Amino acid sequence: MKAYFRARARPMTPFEESPADLPIGNRSLKDWQDDLLRRFGVEPVRGVTDIPQNEDRIVLDDDLWFTRRVLKSLLK
């Protein structure tokens, strides 16, 4: 299964950075998201504008913080 990330159209203020690049505990949100998805066997895919419709997938926004418990419930 793959997780496709939709990028926000504009940077987050006041930092003027992509939400995925914002640091949380000395790591970017993107790194936290990718590591957790991989633990559940989900391949993160970024920078895709055309999301395939013929496969199992999750579509997430790049500014979404999720925990292991939330992801586990979603995947059930």
Protein backbone atom coordinates (compact mmCIF):
# COMPACT_ATOMS: atom_id res chain seq x y z
CA MET A 1 0.00 0.00 0.00
CA LYS A 2 1.13 3.55 -0.69
CA ALA A 3 0.40 6.84 1.04
CA TYR A 4 0.18 9.78 -1.34
CA PHE A 5 0.72 13.23 0.11
CA ARG A 6 -1.07 16.27 -1.25
CA ALA A 7 1.06 19.37 -0.82
CA ARG A 8 -0.47 22.54 0.52
CA ALA A 9 -0.75 25.24 -2.10
CA ARG A 10 0.98 27.83 0.05
CA PRO A 11 3.55 27.89 2.82
CA MET A 12 2.60 28.07 6.48
CA THR A 13 2.85 31.48 8.07
CA PRO A 14 4.72 32.96 9.85
CA PHE A 15 7.50 30.56 8.82
CA GLU A 16 6.89 30.67 5.05
CA GLU A 17 7.88 27.01 4.78
CA SER A 18 6.12 23.94 3.51
CA PRO A 19 4.25 22.30 6.42
CA ALA A 20 6.10 19.04 5.73
CA ASP A 21 9.44 20.79 6.30
CA LEU A 22 8.54 22.37 9.64
CA PRO A 23 10.67 21.02 12.49
CA ILE A 24 9.11 19.07 15.32
CA GLY A 25 11.59 17.90 17.93
CA ASN A 26 14.61 18.46 15.64
CA ARG A 27 13.05 16.46 12.78
CA SER A 28 10.73 17.57 10.02
CA LEU A 29 7.06 16.64 10.07
CA LYS A 30 7.75 14.78 6.81
CA ASP A 31 10.34 12.57 8.54
CA TRP A 32 7.94 11.73 11.38
CA GLN A 33 5.16 10.89 8.90
CA ASP A 34 7.38 8.77 6.65
CA ASP A 35 8.95 6.79 9.51
CA LEU A 36 5.59 5.91 11.04
CA LEU A 37 4.06 4.90 7.70
CA ARG A 38 7.02 2.64 6.93
CA ARG A 39 6.63 0.89 10.30
CA PHE A 40 3.17 -0.16 9.12
CA GLY A 41 4.43 -1.27 5.71
CA VAL A 42 3.07 1.77 3.87
CA GLU A 43 5.27 3.44 1.28
CA PRO A 44 5.10 7.25 1.41
CA VAL A 45 4.95 8.96 -2.00
CA ARG A 46 5.43 12.70 -2.33
CA GLY A 47 5.40 15.08 -5.25
CA VAL A 48 2.84 13.17 -7.29
CA THR A 49 0.09 15.22 -8.91
CA ASP A 50 -1.82 12.31 -10.44
CA ILE A 51 -2.80 9.76 -7.78
CA PRO A 52 -3.51 6.30 -9.23
CA GLN A 53 -7.03 5.05 -8.68
CA ASN A 54 -6.40 1.33 -9.33
CA GLU A 55 -4.48 0.44 -6.17
CA ASP A 56 -4.88 0.39 -2.40
CA ARG A 57 -3.83 3.81 -1.18
CA ILE A 58 -4.14 6.46 1.49
CA VAL A 59 -4.24 10.12 0.51
CA LEU A 60 -2.99 12.53 3.19
CA ASP A 61 -2.24 16.22 3.41
CA ASP A 62 1.38 17.10 4.11
CA ASP A 63 0.37 19.14 7.19
CA LEU A 64 -1.32 16.25 8.99
CA TRP A 65 0.11 15.02 12.29
CA PHE A 66 -0.97 11.48 13.13
CA THR A 67 -0.02 9.06 15.86
CA ARG A 68 0.62 5.32 15.73
CA ARG A 69 -2.81 4.70 17.27
CA VAL A 70 -4.59 6.85 14.68
CA LEU A 71 -2.73 5.25 11.77
CA LYS A 72 -3.42 1.75 13.10
CA SER A 73 -7.15 2.52 13.32
CA LEU A 74 -7.15 4.03 9.82
CA LEU A 75 -5.46 0.97 8.32
CA LYS A 76 -7.97 -1.43 9.90
